[in-house]
Amino acid sequence: MLIFYPRLPNGNILWTCDNCGNTAQVSCSETNAVALYCTCSCKIQPQCNDDWYNKNLYLKRIPIEIRLNNSVF
């Protein structure tokens, strides 16, 4: 599962902790799927978005031919 957060009129992403409801604005032009450290649990929330980036699930969805060709994805 991957959680996509809404984009605000200023272009930032509005992240919300799925554990406590804390919010933050994230400057990120490439994705709406973000994961941030939250003080409520001392962990990165949401875990599914953290796994997407830090367990290389993001890269696994891109064909190896494109990754080896150094194409922009």
C-alpha atoms as a PDB file:
ATOM      1  CA  MET A   1       0.000   0.000   0.000  1.00  0.00           C
ATOM      2  CA  LEU A   2       1.117   3.546  -0.707  1.00  0.00           C
ATOM      3  CA  ILE A   3      -0.464   6.673   0.767  1.00  0.00           C
ATOM      4  CA  PHE A   4      -0.666   9.796  -1.398  1.00  0.00           C
ATOM      5  CA  TYR A   5      -1.117  13.140   0.349  1.00  0.00           C
ATOM      6  CA  PRO A   6      -2.858  16.217  -1.082  1.00  0.00           C
ATOM      7  CA  ARG A   7      -0.915  18.978  -2.789  1.00  0.00           C
ATOM      8  CA  LEU A   8      -1.590  22.473  -1.461  1.00  0.00           C
ATOM      9  CA  PRO A   9      -2.054  25.557  -3.689  1.00  0.00           C
ATOM     10  CA  ASN A  10       1.536  26.628  -2.876  1.00  0.00           C
ATOM     11  CA  GLY A  11       2.855  23.322  -4.322  1.00  0.00           C
ATOM     12  CA  ASN A  12       3.743  21.723  -0.976  1.00  0.00           C
ATOM     13  CA  ILE A  13       2.437  18.352   0.180  1.00  0.00           C
ATOM     14  CA  LEU A  14       0.287  18.267   3.331  1.00  0.00           C
ATOM     15  CA  TRP A  15       1.561  15.248   5.301  1.00  0.00           C
ATOM     16  CA  THR A  16      -0.524  13.896   8.185  1.00  0.00           C
ATOM     17  CA  CYS A  17       0.741  11.345  10.710  1.00  0.00           C
ATOM     18  CA  ASP A  18      -1.457   8.260  10.524  1.00  0.00           C
ATOM     19  CA  ASN A  19      -0.794   7.615  14.213  1.00  0.00           C
ATOM     20  CA  CYS A  20      -1.490  10.954  15.951  1.00  0.00           C
ATOM     21  CA  GLY A  21      -2.780  13.363  13.301  1.00  0.00           C
ATOM     22  CA  ASN A  22       0.164  15.809  13.385  1.00  0.00           C
ATOM     23  CA  THR A  23       0.555  17.681  10.100  1.00  0.00           C
ATOM     24  CA  ALA A  24       3.456  19.209   8.200  1.00  0.00           C
ATOM     25  CA  GLN A  25       4.014  20.823   4.827  1.00  0.00           C
ATOM     26  CA  VAL A  26       6.634  19.130   2.677  1.00  0.00           C
ATOM     27  CA  SER A  27       8.354  20.789  -0.281  1.00  0.00           C
ATOM     28  CA  CYS A  28       8.499  18.016  -2.820  1.00  0.00           C
ATOM     29  CA  SER A  29       7.792  18.423  -6.502  1.00  0.00           C
ATOM     30  CA  GLU A  30       8.256  14.798  -7.555  1.00  0.00           C
ATOM     31  CA  THR A  31       5.761  12.828  -5.472  1.00  0.00           C
ATOM     32  CA  ASN A  32       2.739  12.960  -3.214  1.00  0.00           C
ATOM     33  CA  ALA A  33       3.896   9.853  -1.328  1.00  0.00           C
ATOM     34  CA  VAL A  34       5.960  11.110   1.607  1.00  0.00           C
ATOM     35  CA  ALA A  35       7.066   9.641   4.921  1.00  0.00           C
ATOM     36  CA  LEU A  36       8.306  11.729   7.846  1.00  0.00           C
ATOM     37  CA  TYR A  37       9.646  11.081  11.331  1.00  0.00           C
ATOM     38  CA  CYS A  38       6.988  11.814  13.959  1.00  0.00           C
ATOM     39  CA  THR A  39       7.690  12.401  17.627  1.00  0.00           C
ATOM     40  CA  CYS A  40       4.516  10.578  18.714  1.00  0.00           C
ATOM     41  CA  SER A  41       6.023   7.180  17.941  1.00  0.00           C
ATOM     42  CA  CYS A  42       9.674   8.094  17.283  1.00  0.00           C
ATOM     43  CA  LYS A  43       9.274   6.358  13.931  1.00  0.00           C
ATOM     44  CA  ILE A  44       8.768   7.279  10.311  1.00  0.00           C
ATOM     45  CA  GLN A  45       5.079   7.500   9.434  1.00  0.00           C
ATOM     46  CA  PRO A  46       3.414   6.006   7.502  1.00  0.00           C
ATOM     47  CA  GLN A  47       5.471   2.821   7.490  1.00  0.00           C
ATOM     48  CA  CYS A  48       4.199   1.765   4.058  1.00  0.00           C
ATOM     49  CA  ASN A  49       5.590   4.934   2.438  1.00  0.00           C
ATOM     50  CA  ASP A  50       8.888   4.506   4.296  1.00  0.00           C
ATOM     51  CA  ASP A  51       9.160   0.952   2.945  1.00  0.00           C
ATOM     52  CA  TRP A  52       8.425   2.233  -0.573  1.00  0.00           C
ATOM     53  CA  TYR A  53      11.627   4.278  -0.562  1.00  0.00           C
ATOM     54  CA  ASN A  54      13.932   2.579   1.938  1.00  0.00           C
ATOM     55  CA  LYS A  55      13.310  -1.041   0.938  1.00  0.00           C
ATOM     56  CA  ASN A  56      13.821  -0.189  -2.760  1.00  0.00           C
ATOM     57  CA  LEU A  57      10.216  -0.934  -3.699  1.00  0.00           C
ATOM     58  CA  TYR A  58      10.321   2.315  -5.695  1.00  0.00           C
ATOM     59  CA  LEU A  59      13.170   1.061  -7.866  1.00  0.00           C
ATOM     60  CA  LYS A  60      11.748  -2.433  -8.257  1.00  0.00           C
ATOM     61  CA  ARG A  61       8.740  -1.043 -10.109  1.00  0.00           C
ATOM     62  CA  ILE A  62      11.018   0.463 -12.802  1.00  0.00           C
ATOM     63  CA  PRO A  63      12.257  -1.989 -15.456  1.00  0.00           C
ATOM     64  CA  ILE A  64      15.951  -2.837 -15.160  1.00  0.00           C
ATOM     65  CA  GLU A  65      16.585  -1.696 -18.737  1.00  0.00           C
ATOM     66  CA  ILE A  66      15.540   1.834 -17.863  1.00  0.00           C
ATOM     67  CA  ARG A  67      17.564   1.878 -14.634  1.00  0.00           C
ATOM     68  CA  LEU A  68      20.710   0.608 -16.386  1.00  0.00           C
ATOM     69  CA  ASN A  69      20.267   3.146 -19.171  1.00  0.00           C
ATOM     70  CA  ASN A  70      20.407   6.014 -16.623  1.00  0.00           C
ATOM     71  CA  SER A  71      17.137   7.347 -17.947  1.00  0.00           C
ATOM     72  CA  VAL A  72      15.175   9.828 -15.932  1.00  0.00           C
ATOM     73  CA  PHE A  73      12.196   8.152 -14.243  1.00  0.00           C
END
